[in-house]
PDB file of N, CA and C in Angstrom:
ATOM      1  N   UNK A   1       8.692 -12.399   6.894  1.00  0.00           N
ATOM      2  CA  UNK A   1       8.392 -14.435   5.980  1.00  0.00           C
ATOM      3  C   UNK A   1       8.050 -14.986   7.323  1.00  0.00           C
ATOM      4  N   UNK A   2       8.432 -15.421   8.872  1.00  0.00           N
ATOM      5  CA  UNK A   2       8.168 -16.967   9.505  1.00  0.00           C
ATOM      6  C   UNK A   2       7.137 -16.404   9.576  1.00  0.00           C
ATOM      7  N   UNK A   3       5.374 -15.826   9.591  1.00  0.00           N
ATOM      8  CA  UNK A   3       4.274 -16.292  10.202  1.00  0.00           C
ATOM      9  C   UNK A   3       3.888 -17.252   8.454  1.00  0.00           C
ATOM     10  N   UNK A   4       4.890 -17.577   7.852  1.00  0.00           N
ATOM     11  CA  UNK A   4       4.088 -18.776   6.560  1.00  0.00           C
ATOM     12  C   UNK A   4       3.998 -19.854   6.513  1.00  0.00           C
ATOM     13  N   UNK A   5       4.229 -20.498   7.661  1.00  0.00           N
ATOM     14  CA  UNK A   5       4.066 -21.919   7.946  1.00  0.00           C
ATOM     15  C   UNK A   5       2.627 -21.930   8.644  1.00  0.00           C
ATOM     16  N   UNK A   6       2.225 -20.953   9.498  1.00  0.00           N
ATOM     17  CA  UNK A   6       1.610 -20.977  10.831  1.00  0.00           C
ATOM     18  C   UNK A   6       1.730 -21.695  11.800  1.00  0.00           C
ATOM     19  N   UNK A   7       0.860 -22.592  11.646  1.00  0.00           N
ATOM     20  CA  UNK A   7       1.017 -23.923  13.268  1.00  0.00           C
ATOM     21  C   UNK A   7       2.333 -25.838  12.589  1.00  0.00           C
ATOM     22  N   UNK A   8       2.853 -24.704  11.720  1.00  0.00           N
ATOM     23  CA  UNK A   8       3.600 -26.117  11.142  1.00  0.00           C
ATOM     24  C   UNK A   8       5.228 -25.814  11.815  1.00  0.00           C
ATOM     25  N   UNK A   9       6.058 -26.949  12.000  1.00  0.00           N
ATOM     26  CA  UNK A   9       7.255 -26.429  12.808  1.00  0.00           C
ATOM     27  C   UNK A   9       8.022 -26.642  11.529  1.00  0.00           C
ATOM     28  N   UNK A  10       9.566 -26.350  11.253  1.00  0.00           N
ATOM     29  CA  UNK A  10      10.515 -26.795   9.904  1.00  0.00           C
ATOM     30  C   UNK A  10      10.574 -28.119  10.216  1.00  0.00           C
ATOM     31  N   UNK A  11      10.923 -28.545   9.180  1.00  0.00           N
ATOM     32  CA  UNK A  11      11.116 -30.189   9.050  1.00  0.00           C
ATOM     33  C   UNK A  11      12.335 -30.498   9.972  1.00  0.00           C
ATOM     34  N   UNK A  12      12.918 -31.455  10.287  1.00  0.00           N
ATOM     35  CA  UNK A  12      13.860 -31.660  11.271  1.00  0.00           C
ATOM     36  C   UNK A  12      15.897 -31.937  10.371  1.00  0.00           C
ATOM     37  N   UNK A  13      16.306 -31.127  10.886  1.00  0.00           N
ATOM     38  CA  UNK A  13      17.176 -30.407  11.204  1.00  0.00           C
ATOM     39  C   UNK A  13      17.472 -29.406   9.919  1.00  0.00           C
ATOM     40  N   UNK A  14      16.578 -28.703   9.216  1.00  0.00           N
ATOM     41  CA  UNK A  14      16.495 -27.502   9.032  1.00  0.00           C
ATOM     42  C   UNK A  14      16.488 -26.176   9.486  1.00  0.00           C
ATOM     43  N   UNK A  15      17.346 -25.254   9.245  1.00  0.00           N
ATOM     44  CA  UNK A  15      16.938 -24.089  10.150  1.00  0.00           C
ATOM     45  C   UNK A  15      16.110 -22.647   9.216  1.00  0.00           C
ATOM     46  N   UNK A  16      15.769 -21.354  10.239  1.00  0.00           N
ATOM     47  CA  UNK A  16      14.976 -21.203  10.046  1.00  0.00           C
ATOM     48  C   UNK A  16      15.499 -20.436   8.357  1.00  0.00           C
ATOM     49  N   UNK A  17      16.797 -19.900   8.635  1.00  0.00           N
ATOM     50  CA  UNK A  17      18.309 -18.953   7.294  1.00  0.00           C
ATOM     51  C   UNK A  17      17.940 -20.275   6.098  1.00  0.00           C
ATOM     52  N   UNK A  18      18.244 -21.395   5.961  1.00  0.00           N
ATOM     53  CA  UNK A  18      18.258 -22.502   5.262  1.00  0.00           C
ATOM     54  C   UNK A  18      16.623 -22.459   4.695  1.00  0.00           C
ATOM     55  N   UNK A  19      15.631 -22.555   5.453  1.00  0.00           N
ATOM     56  CA  UNK A  19      14.331 -22.936   5.076  1.00  0.00           C
ATOM     57  C   UNK A  19      13.610 -21.374   4.102  1.00  0.00           C
ATOM     58  N   UNK A  20      14.557 -20.515   4.429  1.00  0.00           N
ATOM     59  CA  UNK A  20      14.345 -18.995   3.953  1.00  0.00           C
ATOM     60  C   UNK A  20      15.147 -18.842   2.492  1.00  0.00           C
ATOM     61  N   UNK A  21      15.909 -19.153   2.549  1.00  0.00           N
ATOM     62  CA  UNK A  21      16.861 -19.333   1.366  1.00  0.00           C
ATOM     63  C   UNK A  21      16.258 -20.177   0.168  1.00  0.00           C
ATOM     64  N   UNK A  22      15.729 -21.440   0.122  1.00  0.00           N
ATOM     65  CA  UNK A  22      14.873 -21.996  -0.595  1.00  0.00           C
ATOM     66  C   UNK A  22      13.830 -21.236  -0.259  1.00  0.00           C
ATOM     67  N   UNK A  23      12.897 -20.646   0.255  1.00  0.00           N
ATOM     68  CA  UNK A  23      11.807 -20.041  -0.306  1.00  0.00           C
ATOM     69  C   UNK A  23      11.825 -19.197  -0.733  1.00  0.00           C
ATOM     70  N   UNK A  24      12.918 -18.464  -1.176  1.00  0.00           N
ATOM     71  CA  UNK A  24      13.281 -17.294  -1.757  1.00  0.00           C
ATOM     72  C   UNK A  24      13.603 -17.936  -3.560  1.00  0.00           C
ATOM     73  N   UNK A  25      14.908 -18.994  -3.243  1.00  0.00           N
ATOM     74  CA  UNK A  25      14.626 -19.974  -4.647  1.00  0.00           C
ATOM     75  C   UNK A  25      13.774 -20.345  -5.160  1.00  0.00           C
ATOM     76  N   UNK A  26      12.327 -20.841  -4.716  1.00  0.00           N
ATOM     77  CA  UNK A  26      11.660 -21.216  -4.900  1.00  0.00           C
ATOM     78  C   UNK A  26      10.702 -19.912  -5.853  1.00  0.00           C
ATOM     79  N   UNK A  27      10.493 -18.715  -5.345  1.00  0.00           N
ATOM     80  CA  UNK A  27       9.917 -17.687  -6.044  1.00  0.00           C
ATOM     81  C   UNK A  27      10.506 -16.871  -6.751  1.00  0.00           C
ATOM     82  N   UNK A  28      12.094 -16.961  -6.900  1.00  0.00           N
ATOM     83  CA  UNK A  28      13.143 -16.788  -7.404  1.00  0.00           C
ATOM     84  C   UNK A  28      12.343 -17.416  -9.238  1.00  0.00           C
ATOM     85  N   UNK A  29      12.487 -18.834  -8.601  1.00  0.00           N
ATOM     86  CA  UNK A  29      12.502 -19.478  -9.885  1.00  0.00           C
ATOM     87  C   UNK A  29      10.755 -19.725 -11.077  1.00  0.00           C
ATOM     88  N   UNK A  30       9.724 -19.247  -9.410  1.00  0.00           N
ATOM     89  CA  UNK A  30       8.411 -19.540 -10.165  1.00  0.00           C
ATOM     90  C   UNK A  30       8.414 -18.128 -11.109  1.00  0.00           C
ATOM     91  N   UNK A  31       8.910 -17.049 -10.361  1.00  0.00           N
ATOM     92  CA  UNK A  31       8.558 -15.468 -10.857  1.00  0.00           C
ATOM     93  C   UNK A  31       9.387 -15.215 -12.082  1.00  0.00           C
ATOM     94  N   UNK A  32      10.361 -16.251 -12.308  1.00  0.00           N
ATOM     95  CA  UNK A  32      11.620 -15.571 -13.417  1.00  0.00           C
ATOM     96  C   UNK A  32      12.081 -14.388 -12.508  1.00  0.00           C
ATOM     97  N   UNK A  33      12.746 -14.651 -11.381  1.00  0.00           N
ATOM     98  CA  UNK A  33      13.363 -13.543 -10.591  1.00  0.00           C
ATOM     99  C   UNK A  33      15.034 -13.797 -10.145  1.00  0.00           C
ATOM    100  N   UNK A  34      15.618 -12.977  -9.898  1.00  0.00           N
ATOM    101  CA  UNK A  34      17.244 -13.570 -10.228  1.00  0.00           C
ATOM    102  C   UNK A  34      16.542 -13.286  -8.439  1.00  0.00           C
ATOM    103  N   UNK A  35      17.593 -14.694  -7.487  1.00  0.00           N
ATOM    104  CA  UNK A  35      17.241 -14.857  -6.048  1.00  0.00           C
ATOM    105  C   UNK A  35      18.357 -13.432  -5.496  1.00  0.00           C
ATOM    106  N   UNK A  36      19.470 -13.515  -6.084  1.00  0.00           N
ATOM    107  CA  UNK A  36      19.784 -12.368  -5.640  1.00  0.00           C
ATOM    108  C   UNK A  36      18.758 -11.182  -5.233  1.00  0.00           C
ATOM    109  N   UNK A  37      18.786 -10.583  -6.238  1.00  0.00           N
ATOM    110  CA  UNK A  37      17.858  -9.420  -6.307  1.00  0.00           C
ATOM    111  C   UNK A  37      17.326  -9.838  -5.461  1.00  0.00           C
ATOM    112  N   UNK A  38      16.062 -10.521  -4.858  1.00  0.00           N
ATOM    113  CA  UNK A  38      15.515 -11.132  -3.977  1.00  0.00           C
ATOM    114  C   UNK A  38      15.710 -10.836  -2.952  1.00  0.00           C
ATOM    115  N   UNK A  39      16.417 -11.347  -2.292  1.00  0.00           N
ATOM    116  CA  UNK A  39      17.524 -11.356  -1.217  1.00  0.00           C
ATOM    117  C   UNK A  39      18.075  -9.708  -0.854  1.00  0.00           C
ATOM    118  N   UNK A  40      18.284  -9.338  -2.009  1.00  0.00           N
ATOM    119  CA  UNK A  40      18.906  -7.287  -1.779  1.00  0.00           C
ATOM    120  C   UNK A  40      18.004  -6.352  -0.797  1.00  0.00           C
ATOM    121  N   UNK A  41      16.443  -7.058  -1.440  1.00  0.00           N
ATOM    122  CA  UNK A  41      15.622  -6.317  -1.430  1.00  0.00           C
ATOM    123  C   UNK A  41      15.645  -5.666  -0.123  1.00  0.00           C
ATOM    124  N   UNK A  42      16.279  -4.369  -0.159  1.00  0.00           N
ATOM    125  CA  UNK A  42      15.562  -3.623   1.213  1.00  0.00           C
ATOM    126  C   UNK A  42      14.091  -3.850   1.750  1.00  0.00           C
ATOM    127  N   UNK A  43      12.933  -3.466   0.800  1.00  0.00           N
ATOM    128  CA  UNK A  43      11.918  -3.840   1.177  1.00  0.00           C
ATOM    129  C   UNK A  43      10.894  -4.632   1.780  1.00  0.00           C
ATOM    130  N   UNK A  44      11.716  -5.962   1.486  1.00  0.00           N
ATOM    131  CA  UNK A  44      10.933  -7.150   2.226  1.00  0.00           C
ATOM    132  C   UNK A  44      11.005  -8.015   0.691  1.00  0.00           C
ATOM    133  N   UNK A  45      10.707  -9.057   1.203  1.00  0.00           N
ATOM    134  CA  UNK A  45      10.294 -10.356  -0.249  1.00  0.00           C
ATOM    135  C   UNK A  45       8.829 -10.398  -0.436  1.00  0.00           C
ATOM    136  N   UNK A  46       7.768 -10.054   0.580  1.00  0.00           N
ATOM    137  CA  UNK A  46       6.047  -9.463   0.477  1.00  0.00           C
ATOM    138  C   UNK A  46       6.764  -8.113  -0.621  1.00  0.00           C
ATOM    139  N   UNK A  47       6.606  -7.210  -0.037  1.00  0.00           N
ATOM    140  CA  UNK A  47       6.471  -6.036  -0.880  1.00  0.00           C
ATOM    141  C   UNK A  47       7.630  -5.906  -2.303  1.00  0.00           C
ATOM    142  N   UNK A  48       8.511  -7.238  -2.176  1.00  0.00           N
ATOM    143  CA  UNK A  48       8.874  -6.767  -3.685  1.00  0.00           C
ATOM    144  C   UNK A  48       8.087  -7.536  -4.486  1.00  0.00           C
ATOM    145  N   UNK A  49       7.651  -8.707  -3.963  1.00  0.00           N
ATOM    146  CA  UNK A  49       6.695  -9.527  -5.700  1.00  0.00           C
ATOM    147  C   UNK A  49       5.481  -8.966  -5.505  1.00  0.00           C
ATOM    148  N   UNK A  50       4.612  -7.849  -3.985  1.00  0.00           N
ATOM    149  CA  UNK A  50       4.165  -7.359  -4.600  1.00  0.00           C
ATOM    150  C   UNK A  50       4.057  -6.396  -5.639  1.00  0.00           C
ATOM    151  N   UNK A  51       4.834  -5.506  -5.541  1.00  0.00           N
ATOM    152  CA  UNK A  51       5.250  -4.530  -6.873  1.00  0.00           C
ATOM    153  C   UNK A  51       5.493  -5.573  -8.109  1.00  0.00           C
ATOM    154  N   UNK A  52       6.355  -6.774  -7.927  1.00  0.00           N
ATOM    155  CA  UNK A  52       6.581  -7.505  -9.567  1.00  0.00           C
ATOM    156  C   UNK A  52       5.051  -7.508  -9.405  1.00  0.00           C
ATOM    157  N   UNK A  53       4.332  -8.418  -9.250  1.00  0.00           N
ATOM    158  CA  UNK A  53       3.011  -9.455  -9.700  1.00  0.00           C
ATOM    159  C   UNK A  53       1.567  -7.708 -10.305  1.00  0.00           C
ATOM    160  N   UNK A  54       2.101  -6.389  -9.213  1.00  0.00           N
ATOM    161  CA  UNK A  54       1.311  -5.083  -9.462  1.00  0.00           C
ATOM    162  C   UNK A  54       2.197  -4.257 -10.874  1.00  0.00           C
ATOM    163  N   UNK A  55       3.586  -4.263 -10.807  1.00  0.00           N
ATOM    164  CA  UNK A  55       3.415  -4.101 -12.342  1.00  0.00           C
ATOM    165  C   UNK A  55       2.967  -4.817 -13.996  1.00  0.00           C
ATOM    166  N   UNK A  56       3.359  -6.691 -12.885  1.00  0.00           N
ATOM    167  CA  UNK A  56       2.380  -7.612 -14.544  1.00  0.00           C
ATOM    168  C   UNK A  56       1.746  -7.708 -14.796  1.00  0.00           C
ATOM    169  N   UNK A  57       0.544  -7.379 -13.914  1.00  0.00           N
ATOM    170  CA  UNK A  57      -0.950  -7.028 -13.968  1.00  0.00           C
ATOM    171  C   UNK A  57      -1.377  -5.550 -14.684  1.00  0.00           C
ATOM    172  N   UNK A  58      -0.374  -4.313 -14.415  1.00  0.00           N
ATOM    173  CA  UNK A  58      -0.415  -3.237 -15.338  1.00  0.00           C
ATOM    174  C   UNK A  58      -0.027  -3.515 -16.724  1.00  0.00           C
ATOM    175  N   UNK A  59       0.562  -4.496 -17.053  1.00  0.00           N
ATOM    176  CA  UNK A  59       1.635  -4.377 -18.519  1.00  0.00           C
ATOM    177  C   UNK A  59       1.078  -6.011 -18.861  1.00  0.00           C
ATOM    178  N   UNK A  60       2.953  -6.637 -19.171  1.00  0.00           N
ATOM    179  CA  UNK A  60       1.998  -8.135 -19.639  1.00  0.00           C
ATOM    180  C   UNK A  60       1.622  -9.138 -18.808  1.00  0.00           C
ATOM    181  N   UNK A  61      -0.097  -8.852 -18.482  1.00  0.00           N
ATOM    182  CA  UNK A  61      -0.283 -10.101 -17.317  1.00  0.00           C
ATOM    183  C   UNK A  61       0.635 -11.985 -17.733  1.00  0.00           C
ATOM    184  N   UNK A  62       0.889 -12.098 -18.587  1.00  0.00           N
ATOM    185  CA  UNK A  62       1.098 -13.623 -18.462  1.00  0.00           C
ATOM    186  C   UNK A  62       2.186 -13.840 -18.058  1.00  0.00           C
ATOM    187  N   UNK A  63       3.730 -13.869 -17.417  1.00  0.00           N
ATOM    188  CA  UNK A  63       4.317 -13.770 -16.573  1.00  0.00           C
ATOM    189  C   UNK A  63       3.520 -14.505 -15.575  1.00  0.00           C
ATOM    190  N   UNK A  64       3.072 -12.790 -15.318  1.00  0.00           N
ATOM    191  CA  UNK A  64       2.511 -13.641 -13.509  1.00  0.00           C
ATOM    192  C   UNK A  64       1.184 -14.320 -13.803  1.00  0.00           C
ATOM    193  N   UNK A  65       0.740 -14.605 -14.524  1.00  0.00           N
ATOM    194  CA  UNK A  65      -0.252 -15.669 -14.516  1.00  0.00           C
ATOM    195  C   UNK A  65       0.300 -16.875 -14.186  1.00  0.00           C
ATOM    196  N   UNK A  66       1.545 -16.893 -15.116  1.00  0.00           N
ATOM    197  CA  UNK A  66       2.402 -18.641 -15.397  1.00  0.00           C
ATOM    198  C   UNK A  66       2.760 -18.906 -14.388  1.00  0.00           C
ATOM    199  N   UNK A  67       3.526 -17.745 -13.493  1.00  0.00           N
ATOM    200  CA  UNK A  67       4.226 -17.728 -12.078  1.00  0.00           C
ATOM    201  C   UNK A  67       2.968 -18.416 -11.053  1.00  0.00           C
ATOM    202  N   UNK A  68       2.029 -17.887 -10.962  1.00  0.00           N
ATOM    203  CA  UNK A  68       0.946 -18.571  -9.933  1.00  0.00           C
ATOM    204  C   UNK A  68       0.313 -20.011 -11.019  1.00  0.00           C
ATOM    205  N   UNK A  69      -0.181 -20.186 -11.264  1.00  0.00           N
ATOM    206  CA  UNK A  69       0.390 -21.726 -12.400  1.00  0.00           C
ATOM    207  C   UNK A  69       0.990 -22.298 -11.810  1.00  0.00           C
ATOM    208  N   UNK A  70       2.468 -22.209 -11.907  1.00  0.00           N
ATOM    209  CA  UNK A  70       3.669 -22.901 -11.388  1.00  0.00           C
ATOM    210  C   UNK A  70       3.410 -23.255  -9.945  1.00  0.00           C
ATOM    211  N   UNK A  71       2.986 -22.106  -9.448  1.00  0.00           N
ATOM    212  CA  UNK A  71       2.364 -22.511  -7.858  1.00  0.00           C
ATOM    213  C   UNK A  71       1.256 -23.554  -7.258  1.00  0.00           C
ATOM    214  N   UNK A  72       0.897 -23.499  -8.188  1.00  0.00           N
ATOM    215  CA  UNK A  72      -0.385 -24.277  -8.069  1.00  0.00           C
ATOM    216  C   UNK A  72      -1.393 -23.016  -7.092  1.00  0.00           C
ATOM    217  N   UNK A  73      -1.596 -22.098  -7.568  1.00  0.00           N
ATOM    218  CA  UNK A  73      -2.611 -21.044  -6.811  1.00  0.00           C
ATOM    219  C   UNK A  73      -4.357 -21.064  -7.292  1.00  0.00           C
ATOM    220  N   UNK A  74      -4.315 -21.703  -8.305  1.00  0.00           N
ATOM    221  CA  UNK A  74      -5.581 -22.281  -8.562  1.00  0.00           C
ATOM    222  C   UNK A  74      -6.080 -20.836  -9.256  1.00  0.00           C
ATOM    223  N   UNK A  75      -6.698 -20.893 -10.176  1.00  0.00           N
ATOM    224  CA  UNK A  75      -7.159 -20.076 -11.353  1.00  0.00           C
ATOM    225  C   UNK A  75      -8.384 -19.275 -10.633  1.00  0.00           C
ATOM    226  N   UNK A  76      -9.234 -20.428  -9.907  1.00  0.00           N
ATOM    227  CA  UNK A  76     -10.626 -20.188  -9.682  1.00  0.00           C
ATOM    228  C   UNK A  76     -10.125 -18.626  -8.411  1.00  0.00           C
ATOM    229  N   UNK A  77      -8.931 -19.037  -7.651  1.00  0.00           N
ATOM    230  CA  UNK A  77      -8.717 -18.043  -6.266  1.00  0.00           C
ATOM    231  C   UNK A  77      -8.043 -16.679  -7.014  1.00  0.00           C
ATOM    232  N   UNK A  78      -7.086 -16.753  -8.027  1.00  0.00           N
ATOM    233  CA  UNK A  78      -6.651 -16.247  -8.023  1.00  0.00           C
ATOM    234  C   UNK A  78      -8.108 -15.183  -9.359  1.00  0.00           C
ATOM    235  N   UNK A  79      -9.062 -15.896 -10.063  1.00  0.00           N
ATOM    236  CA  UNK A  79      -9.245 -15.396 -10.035  1.00  0.00           C
ATOM    237  C   UNK A  79     -10.687 -14.045  -9.757  1.00  0.00           C
ATOM    238  N   UNK A  80     -10.778 -14.615  -7.845  1.00  0.00           N
ATOM    239  CA  UNK A  80     -11.806 -14.450  -6.988  1.00  0.00           C
ATOM    240  C   UNK A  80     -10.979 -13.108  -6.302  1.00  0.00           C
ATOM    241  N   UNK A  81      -9.184 -13.342  -5.806  1.00  0.00           N
ATOM    242  CA  UNK A  81      -8.213 -12.524  -5.722  1.00  0.00           C
ATOM    243  C   UNK A  81      -9.001 -11.085  -6.668  1.00  0.00           C
ATOM    244  N   UNK A  82      -8.815 -11.115  -7.906  1.00  0.00           N
ATOM    245  CA  UNK A  82      -8.464  -9.933  -8.411  1.00  0.00           C
ATOM    246  C   UNK A  82     -10.078  -9.212  -8.905  1.00  0.00           C
ATOM    247  N   UNK A  83     -11.487 -10.091  -8.951  1.00  0.00           N
ATOM    248  CA  UNK A  83     -12.665  -9.503  -9.058  1.00  0.00           C
ATOM    249  C   UNK A  83     -12.782  -8.569  -7.520  1.00  0.00           C
ATOM    250  N   UNK A  84     -12.881  -9.300  -6.106  1.00  0.00           N
ATOM    251  CA  UNK A  84     -13.054  -9.386  -5.034  1.00  0.00           C
ATOM    252  C   UNK A  84     -12.379  -7.546  -4.904  1.00  0.00           C
ATOM    253  N   UNK A  85     -11.381  -7.410  -5.066  1.00  0.00           N
ATOM    254  CA  UNK A  85      -9.904  -5.849  -4.995  1.00  0.00           C
ATOM    255  C   UNK A  85      -9.578  -5.731  -5.765  1.00  0.00           C
ATOM    256  N   UNK A  86      -9.661  -4.373  -5.793  1.00  0.00           N
ATOM    257  CA  UNK A  86      -8.718  -3.566  -6.934  1.00  0.00           C
ATOM    258  C   UNK A  86      -7.322  -4.067  -6.776  1.00  0.00           C
ATOM    259  N   UNK A  87      -6.684  -3.363  -8.055  1.00  0.00           N
ATOM    260  CA  UNK A  87      -5.145  -3.863  -8.566  1.00  0.00           C
ATOM    261  C   UNK A  87      -4.426  -4.020  -7.576  1.00  0.00           C
ATOM    262  N   UNK A  88      -4.534  -2.845  -6.958  1.00  0.00           N
ATOM    263  CA  UNK A  88      -3.116  -2.679  -5.790  1.00  0.00           C
ATOM    264  C   UNK A  88      -3.507  -3.669  -4.713  1.00  0.00           C
ATOM    265  N   UNK A  89      -4.807  -3.524  -3.895  1.00  0.00           N
ATOM    266  CA  UNK A  89      -4.960  -4.549  -2.445  1.00  0.00           C
ATOM    267  C   UNK A  89      -5.362  -6.598  -3.171  1.00  0.00           C
ATOM    268  N   UNK A  90      -5.105  -6.424  -5.005  1.00  0.00           N
ATOM    269  CA  UNK A  90      -5.507  -7.904  -5.532  1.00  0.00           C
ATOM    270  C   UNK A  90      -3.522  -8.056  -5.093  1.00  0.00           C
ATOM    271  N   UNK A  91      -2.966  -6.863  -6.044  1.00  0.00           N
ATOM    272  CA  UNK A  91      -1.358  -7.496  -6.110  1.00  0.00           C
ATOM    273  C   UNK A  91      -0.730  -7.559  -4.578  1.00  0.00           C
ATOM    274  N   UNK A  92      -1.107  -7.242  -3.292  1.00  0.00           N
ATOM    275  CA  UNK A  92      -0.970  -7.404  -2.081  1.00  0.00           C
ATOM    276  C   UNK A  92      -1.275  -8.869  -1.871  1.00  0.00           C
ATOM    277  N   UNK A  93      -2.298  -9.161  -2.166  1.00  0.00           N
ATOM    278  CA  UNK A  93      -3.238 -10.580  -1.761  1.00  0.00           C
ATOM    279  C   UNK A  93      -2.561 -11.447  -2.190  1.00  0.00           C
ATOM    280  N   UNK A  94      -2.107 -11.553  -3.687  1.00  0.00           N
ATOM    281  CA  UNK A  94      -1.987 -12.995  -4.657  1.00  0.00           C
ATOM    282  C   UNK A  94      -0.489 -12.724  -4.348  1.00  0.00           C
ATOM    283  N   UNK A  95       0.491 -11.481  -4.106  1.00  0.00           N
ATOM    284  CA  UNK A  95       1.764 -11.595  -3.131  1.00  0.00           C
ATOM    285  C   UNK A  95       1.539 -13.490  -2.206  1.00  0.00           C
ATOM    286  N   UNK A  96       1.024 -12.707  -0.870  1.00  0.00           N
ATOM    287  CA  UNK A  96       0.334 -13.177   0.659  1.00  0.00           C
ATOM    288  C   UNK A  96       0.792 -14.651   0.074  1.00  0.00           C
ATOM    289  N   UNK A  97      -0.398 -14.556  -0.790  1.00  0.00           N
ATOM    290  CA  UNK A  97      -0.741 -16.682  -1.013  1.00  0.00           C
ATOM    291  C   UNK A  97      -0.208 -16.569  -1.961  1.00  0.00           C
ATOM    292  N   UNK A  98       1.335 -16.818  -2.414  1.00  0.00           N
ATOM    293  CA  UNK A  98       2.560 -16.555  -3.358  1.00  0.00           C
ATOM    294  C   UNK A  98       3.650 -17.006  -2.599  1.00  0.00           C
ATOM    295  N   UNK A  99       3.407 -16.197  -1.562  1.00  0.00           N
ATOM    296  CA  UNK A  99       4.535 -16.719  -0.569  1.00  0.00           C
ATOM    297  C   UNK A  99       3.606 -17.511   0.365  1.00  0.00           C
ATOM    298  N   UNK A 100       3.288 -18.045   0.936  1.00  0.00           N
ATOM    299  CA  UNK A 100       2.586 -18.957   1.499  1.00  0.00           C
ATOM    300  C   UNK A 100       2.762 -20.861   0.482  1.00  0.00           C
ATOM    301  N   UNK A 101       2.647 -20.587  -0.771  1.00  0.00           N
ATOM    302  CA  UNK A 101       2.118 -21.687  -1.550  1.00  0.00           C
ATOM    303  C   UNK A 101       3.607 -22.206  -2.109  1.00  0.00           C
ATOM    304  N   UNK A 102       4.924 -20.541  -1.771  1.00  0.00           N
ATOM    305  CA  UNK A 102       6.195 -21.420  -2.201  1.00  0.00           C
ATOM    306  C   UNK A 102       6.760 -22.069  -0.957  1.00  0.00           C
ATOM    307  N   UNK A 103       5.753 -21.273   0.621  1.00  0.00           N
ATOM    308  CA  UNK A 103       6.776 -21.714   1.931  1.00  0.00           C
ATOM    309  C   UNK A 103       6.119 -23.361   2.023  1.00  0.00           C
ATOM    310  N   UNK A 104       4.975 -23.658   1.106  1.00  0.00           N
ATOM    311  CA  UNK A 104       4.353 -24.946   1.852  1.00  0.00           C
ATOM    312  C   UNK A 104       4.611 -25.506   0.688  1.00  0.00           C
ATOM    313  N   UNK A 105       5.115 -25.286  -0.635  1.00  0.00           N
ATOM    314  CA  UNK A 105       6.471 -26.255  -1.704  1.00  0.00           C
ATOM    315  C   UNK A 105       7.582 -26.822  -1.188  1.00  0.00           C
ATOM    316  N   UNK A 106       8.103 -25.433  -0.505  1.00  0.00           N
ATOM    317  CA  UNK A 106       9.229 -25.910  -0.100  1.00  0.00           C
ATOM    318  C   UNK A 106       9.531 -27.010   1.704  1.00  0.00           C
ATOM    319  N   UNK A 107       8.628 -27.057   2.501  1.00  0.00           N
ATOM    320  CA  UNK A 107       8.363 -27.325   3.400  1.00  0.00           C
ATOM    321  C   UNK A 107       7.682 -29.122   3.216  1.00  0.00           C
ATOM    322  N   UNK A 108       7.569 -28.803   2.039  1.00  0.00           N
ATOM    323  CA  UNK A 108       6.786 -30.852   1.556  1.00  0.00           C
ATOM    324  C   UNK A 108       7.770 -31.065   0.686  1.00  0.00           C
ATOM    325  N   UNK A 109       8.709 -30.218   0.798  1.00  0.00           N
ATOM    326  CA  UNK A 109      10.359 -30.658  -0.584  1.00  0.00           C
ATOM    327  C   UNK A 109      10.885 -31.529   0.754  1.00  0.00           C
ATOM    328  N   UNK A 110      11.172 -30.480   1.565  1.00  0.00           N
ATOM    329  CA  UNK A 110      11.828 -31.022   2.651  1.00  0.00           C
ATOM    330  C   UNK A 110      11.860 -31.776   3.436  1.00  0.00           C
ATOM    331  N   UNK A 111      10.818 -31.887   3.831  1.00  0.00           N
ATOM    332  CA  UNK A 111       9.695 -32.706   5.105  1.00  0.00           C
ATOM    333  C   UNK A 111       9.898 -34.348   3.902  1.00  0.00           C
ATOM    334  N   UNK A 112       9.948 -34.545   3.452  1.00  0.00           N
ATOM    335  CA  UNK A 112       9.917 -35.753   2.498  1.00  0.00           C
ATOM    336  C   UNK A 112      11.063 -36.423   1.683  1.00  0.00           C
ATOM    337  N   UNK A 113      12.136 -35.972   1.622  1.00  0.00           N
ATOM    338  CA  UNK A 113      13.476 -35.904   1.093  1.00  0.00           C
ATOM    339  C   UNK A 113      13.470 -37.107   1.548  1.00  0.00           C
TER     340      UNK A 113
END
């Protein structure tokens, strides 16, 4: 999860640990997951999110699309990813986009508090 901000520094006074904790909380909120489950996942946040998205796309996609909406991924962007990739690759790509967007939301909030 360390590359989520690309060329951005963390906001002043925010540790990496605190930032990651807040990103996990944001993802838990947007995907309606238990934050402790995310933290405890031995496979890591990205793979866990990919599994959640993949399962949602296989079953009832409504909650997954609601999470994308809350994260403001953009309907066209999500549609393009789903169109251009098979379901498993799309789930991975969407998980990465969700992680990046959650990190950006957290970074923005912490930067302008």
